[in-house]
Amino acid sequence: MKVVILAGGFGTRLSEYTDNIPKPMVPIGKLPIIHHIMNIYSFYGHKDFYIALGYKGDIIKKYFNKKINDWNVNLIDTGPNTLTGGRVKRLEKFLKNETFFLTYGDGVSDINLDTLLKFHKSHGKTLTISAVRPPARFGSLSLDGSEIVEFKEKVQLKNNWINGGFFVVEPKFLKYLKNDTTVLEQEPLKQIVLEKDIKAFTHEGFWQCMDHKSDKDLLEKMINEKNAPWIKNDY
C-alpha cells in the first residue's frame, strides 16, 4: 500500500533546528525523524512512499538520493506555501484509485499498522483516523481556591483524545480537498464527520509528536536509554 507523508511545513515551533533544515530531517539519534516514521511502515511491509515536499525540500531530496533498504521513495514538490490538504490533493495523480496510508512527518508511535488496516477494512468508511492520548507536557495542579491540594508531574490526560495522524484513506476522500489552501484538519475532516463517514482507531500505546525542542530531547533520551517503543527492530 502507498504511504503518503506530509513533509512540507515550516516547523516554526522547532526553529532551533528548522531555520536550517526541514522538520522531518531533524535527527533523533542517528536518523532524521522521517526515517524513523518510514521504518514503522516498512516493518509492516509498506515500502512505497510518497513524500509531499515544501519548505527546504531539497534537503530531503539530497538525503534520499541514495537507495535505502528496498524502499520505493517518491519525492514530490507540493509547493512551499501549500497547506496540508492541498499537499495531499497534489498527489492525487499518483494515488490513483487505491486505499492509502497518510501521516505527518513529525510523529512516531508503536501503533500496530496491521490492526489499524484491519479495523479500517472492517467498517467500510472513507477515512480512519488514529486517536491517541495527548502527551504529558505539563505538571498538573489540583486547587482549592488559591491553595494547592495536589501536584502531579506531567500527568497524561486520560479523558481526552487527539489526532495522532496514521490515517487510512479511501481515494474518494480526495474530492473533499479543493486546492492548495485546503487545510486537511479543518473543512475536509469536519465535513466527513458530519457525514458520519469516518471512524477513529483508538491507540492506547506510545505516541509522540516532535513540536518543540523538549519533544526532541525526550525522543533522544528514549533512544539513548534503548527504550524507544516505536523502534520495532534494529536499524
Protein backbone atom coordinates (compact mmCIF):
# COMPACT_ATOMS: atom_id res chain seq x y z
CA MET A 1 0.00 0.00 0.00
CA LYS A 2 1.18 3.54 -0.73
CA VAL A 3 2.27 5.67 2.21
CA VAL A 4 1.89 9.44 1.96
CA ILE A 5 3.98 11.55 4.35
CA LEU A 6 3.38 15.28 4.75
CA ALA A 7 6.85 16.82 4.95
CA GLY A 8 6.48 20.37 3.66
CA GLY A 9 5.64 22.57 6.66
CA PHE A 10 7.82 25.30 8.12
CA GLY A 11 8.12 23.74 11.60
CA THR A 12 8.26 27.16 13.25
CA ARG A 13 7.84 25.84 16.80
CA LEU A 14 11.11 23.95 16.39
CA SER A 15 13.01 26.90 14.94
CA GLU A 16 16.20 25.94 16.81
CA TYR A 17 16.61 23.37 14.03
CA THR A 18 14.18 24.29 11.27
CA ASP A 19 15.86 27.57 10.40
CA ASN A 20 18.39 25.37 8.62
CA ILE A 21 16.64 22.08 7.84
CA PRO A 22 13.03 20.96 7.36
CA LYS A 23 11.37 19.49 10.43
CA PRO A 24 11.22 15.89 9.07
CA MET A 25 15.02 15.99 8.78
CA VAL A 26 15.61 16.88 12.43
CA PRO A 27 17.67 13.98 13.78
CA ILE A 28 16.54 11.61 16.51
CA GLY A 29 19.59 9.61 17.39
CA LYS A 30 21.46 8.89 14.19
CA LEU A 31 18.48 9.24 11.83
CA PRO A 32 16.08 12.04 10.86
CA ILE A 33 12.60 11.58 12.28
CA ILE A 34 11.13 10.93 8.81
CA HIS A 35 13.41 7.88 8.52
CA HIS A 36 12.07 6.58 11.85
CA ILE A 37 8.50 7.06 10.59
CA MET A 38 9.24 5.22 7.36
CA ASN A 39 10.78 2.36 9.35
CA ILE A 40 7.48 1.94 11.20
CA TYR A 41 5.64 1.42 7.91
CA SER A 42 8.43 -0.69 6.44
CA PHE A 43 8.29 -3.07 9.41
CA TYR A 44 4.70 -3.88 8.42
CA GLY A 45 5.64 -4.35 4.77
CA HIS A 46 4.59 -0.94 3.40
CA LYS A 47 7.55 0.40 1.47
CA ASP A 48 6.02 2.51 -1.33
CA PHE A 49 6.46 6.07 -0.06
CA TYR A 50 5.19 9.37 -1.45
CA ILE A 51 6.70 12.31 0.38
CA ALA A 52 5.00 15.69 -0.08
CA LEU A 53 7.77 18.28 -0.06
CA GLY A 54 7.69 22.01 0.54
CA TYR A 55 9.95 24.03 2.82
CA LYS A 56 13.61 23.16 2.19
CA GLY A 57 12.54 20.09 0.24
CA ASP A 58 15.91 19.96 -1.49
CA ILE A 59 17.49 18.76 1.78
CA ILE A 60 15.07 15.82 1.92
CA LYS A 61 15.80 15.08 -1.74
CA LYS A 62 19.51 15.02 -1.04
CA TYR A 63 19.05 12.57 1.84
CA PHE A 64 17.03 10.17 -0.29
CA ASN A 65 19.38 10.48 -3.24
CA LYS A 66 20.73 7.12 -2.11
CA LYS A 67 18.91 3.81 -2.03
CA ILE A 68 17.61 2.94 1.44
CA ASN A 69 16.72 -0.68 2.05
CA ASP A 70 14.25 -1.88 -0.58
CA TRP A 71 12.10 1.23 -0.33
CA ASN A 72 10.48 2.96 -3.27
CA VAL A 73 10.73 6.64 -2.32
CA ASN A 74 8.91 9.22 -4.45
CA LEU A 75 9.73 12.85 -3.64
CA ILE A 76 7.11 15.28 -4.93
CA ASP A 77 7.30 19.06 -4.71
CA THR A 78 3.92 20.29 -3.49
CA GLY A 79 4.75 23.98 -3.11
CA PRO A 80 6.37 25.98 -0.29
CA ASN A 81 3.13 27.51 0.99
CA THR A 82 0.64 24.72 0.24
CA LEU A 83 -1.40 23.62 3.25
CA THR A 84 -1.85 20.05 4.46
CA GLY A 85 -4.96 19.16 2.46
CA GLY A 86 -3.56 20.83 -0.62
CA ARG A 87 -0.40 18.73 -0.42
CA VAL A 88 -2.44 15.54 -0.45
CA LYS A 89 -4.53 16.88 -3.34
CA ARG A 90 -1.38 17.49 -5.37
CA LEU A 91 -0.53 13.80 -5.04
CA GLU A 92 -3.88 12.67 -6.45
CA LYS A 93 -2.47 11.54 -9.79
CA PHE A 94 -0.01 9.25 -8.02
CA LEU A 95 -2.58 7.70 -5.69
CA LYS A 96 -4.94 6.61 -8.48
CA ASN A 97 -7.90 4.64 -7.16
CA GLU A 98 -6.26 2.91 -4.23
CA THR A 99 -6.57 2.93 -0.45
CA PHE A 100 -3.51 4.60 1.06
CA PHE A 101 -1.86 5.45 4.36
CA LEU A 102 -1.33 9.09 5.31
CA THR A 103 0.68 10.57 8.15
CA TYR A 104 2.69 13.57 9.25
CA GLY A 105 6.46 13.88 9.11
CA ASP A 106 6.94 14.59 12.80
CA GLY A 107 5.35 11.85 14.92
CA VAL A 108 6.32 8.33 15.96
CA SER A 109 4.28 5.57 17.56
CA ASP A 110 4.25 1.88 18.39
CA ILE A 111 0.90 1.62 16.57
CA ASN A 112 0.16 -1.78 15.01
CA LEU A 113 -0.47 -0.96 11.35
CA ASP A 114 -1.84 -4.43 10.62
CA THR A 115 -4.52 -3.92 13.27
CA LEU A 116 -5.20 -0.38 12.03
CA LEU A 117 -5.69 -1.55 8.45
CA LYS A 118 -7.89 -4.47 9.52
CA PHE A 119 -10.06 -2.05 11.51
CA HIS A 120 -10.35 0.27 8.51
CA LYS A 121 -11.45 -2.51 6.21
CA SER A 122 -13.98 -3.77 8.76
CA HIS A 123 -16.08 -0.61 8.95
CA GLY A 124 -16.25 0.39 5.29
CA LYS A 125 -15.94 4.14 5.90
CA THR A 126 -13.93 6.53 3.75
CA LEU A 127 -11.45 7.52 6.44
CA THR A 128 -9.87 6.12 9.58
CA ILE A 129 -8.07 8.49 11.91
CA SER A 130 -5.83 7.25 14.69
CA ALA A 131 -6.85 8.74 18.03
CA VAL A 132 -4.14 8.97 20.68
CA ARG A 133 -3.78 10.38 24.16
CA PRO A 134 -2.20 13.84 24.46
CA PRO A 135 1.42 13.56 25.57
CA ALA A 136 2.19 14.71 29.08
CA ARG A 137 3.70 18.18 28.72
CA PHE A 138 2.99 19.94 31.97
CA GLY A 139 2.63 19.27 35.66
CA SER A 140 -0.95 19.10 36.92
CA LEU A 141 -2.21 21.17 39.86
CA SER A 142 -5.31 20.43 41.93
CA LEU A 143 -6.55 23.65 43.58
CA ASP A 144 -8.95 24.65 46.29
CA GLY A 145 -9.20 28.38 45.73
CA SER A 146 -5.60 29.54 45.84
CA GLU A 147 -4.48 26.56 47.90
CA ILE A 148 -2.63 23.78 46.06
CA VAL A 149 -4.15 20.46 47.10
CA GLU A 150 -2.04 18.19 44.89
CA PHE A 151 0.74 18.41 42.33
CA LYS A 152 1.40 15.72 39.76
CA GLU A 153 4.39 15.85 37.47
CA LYS A 154 3.40 15.70 33.79
CA VAL A 155 0.21 13.69 34.09
CA GLN A 156 -1.21 12.40 30.84
CA LEU A 157 -4.81 13.47 30.20
CA LYS A 158 -6.69 10.19 30.28
CA ASN A 159 -10.08 11.53 29.23
CA ASN A 160 -9.00 13.28 26.04
CA TRP A 161 -8.09 12.07 22.56
CA ILE A 162 -6.25 13.93 19.83
CA ASN A 163 -5.47 13.37 16.16
CA GLY A 164 -2.34 11.22 16.02
CA GLY A 165 -2.11 11.04 12.23
CA PHE A 166 -1.61 7.50 10.92
CA PHE A 167 -4.69 7.74 8.72
CA VAL A 168 -6.07 5.13 6.34
CA VAL A 169 -7.75 6.84 3.40
CA GLU A 170 -10.05 5.76 0.60
CA PRO A 171 -9.47 7.65 -2.66
CA LYS A 172 -12.93 9.25 -2.67
CA PHE A 173 -11.77 11.41 0.24
CA LEU A 174 -9.72 13.40 -2.26
CA LYS A 175 -12.90 15.09 -3.50
CA TYR A 176 -13.05 16.97 -0.17
CA LEU A 177 -9.67 18.55 -0.91
CA LYS A 178 -10.15 21.59 -3.14
CA ASN A 179 -6.84 23.38 -3.70
CA ASP A 180 -3.54 24.49 -2.13
CA THR A 181 -5.34 26.47 0.58
CA THR A 182 -7.22 23.45 1.92
CA VAL A 183 -6.31 22.53 5.49
CA LEU A 184 -6.82 18.80 5.96
CA GLU A 185 -7.77 19.19 9.61
CA GLN A 186 -10.43 21.83 9.02
CA GLU A 187 -13.24 21.67 6.43
CA PRO A 188 -12.46 18.20 4.94
CA LEU A 189 -12.40 16.40 8.29
CA LYS A 190 -15.29 18.43 9.68
CA GLN A 191 -17.40 17.58 6.64
CA ILE A 192 -16.68 13.88 6.69
CA VAL A 193 -17.52 13.80 10.41
CA LEU A 194 -20.87 15.41 9.63
CA GLU A 195 -21.48 12.73 7.02
CA LYS A 196 -20.53 10.01 9.55
CA ASP A 197 -18.08 8.56 7.04
CA ILE A 198 -15.11 8.36 9.40
CA LYS A 199 -14.06 6.10 12.26
CA ALA A 200 -11.45 6.52 14.99
CA PHE A 201 -8.90 3.82 15.70
CA THR A 202 -8.07 4.32 19.36
CA HIS A 203 -4.42 3.70 20.15
CA GLU A 204 -3.64 3.48 23.86
CA GLY A 205 0.05 2.78 23.33
CA PHE A 206 3.00 5.05 22.72
CA TRP A 207 2.71 8.13 20.53
CA GLN A 208 4.83 11.25 20.50
CA CYS A 209 4.99 14.18 18.12
CA MET A 210 8.00 16.48 17.84
CA ASP A 211 6.62 20.00 18.10
CA HIS A 212 9.17 21.52 20.45
CA LYS A 213 12.77 21.02 21.47
CA SER A 214 11.58 19.30 24.66
CA ASP A 215 9.85 16.68 22.49
CA LYS A 216 13.04 16.06 20.52
CA ASP A 217 15.01 15.80 23.77
CA LEU A 218 12.52 13.24 25.11
CA LEU A 219 12.79 11.09 21.96
CA GLU A 220 16.58 11.33 22.07
CA LYS A 221 16.57 10.23 25.71
CA MET A 222 14.45 7.19 24.83
CA ILE A 223 16.89 6.16 22.13
CA ASN A 224 19.92 6.71 24.35
CA GLU A 225 18.32 4.57 27.05
CA LYS A 226 17.36 1.93 24.48
CA ASN A 227 13.72 2.43 25.44
CA ALA A 228 12.22 3.70 22.18
CA PRO A 229 8.81 1.96 21.77
CA TRP A 230 8.41 2.91 18.11
CA ILE A 231 11.55 1.04 17.06
CA LYS A 232 10.41 -2.44 16.03
CA ASN A 233 13.78 -3.80 15.04
CA ASP A 234 17.39 -2.69 14.92
CA TYR A 235 18.21 -0.14 12.24
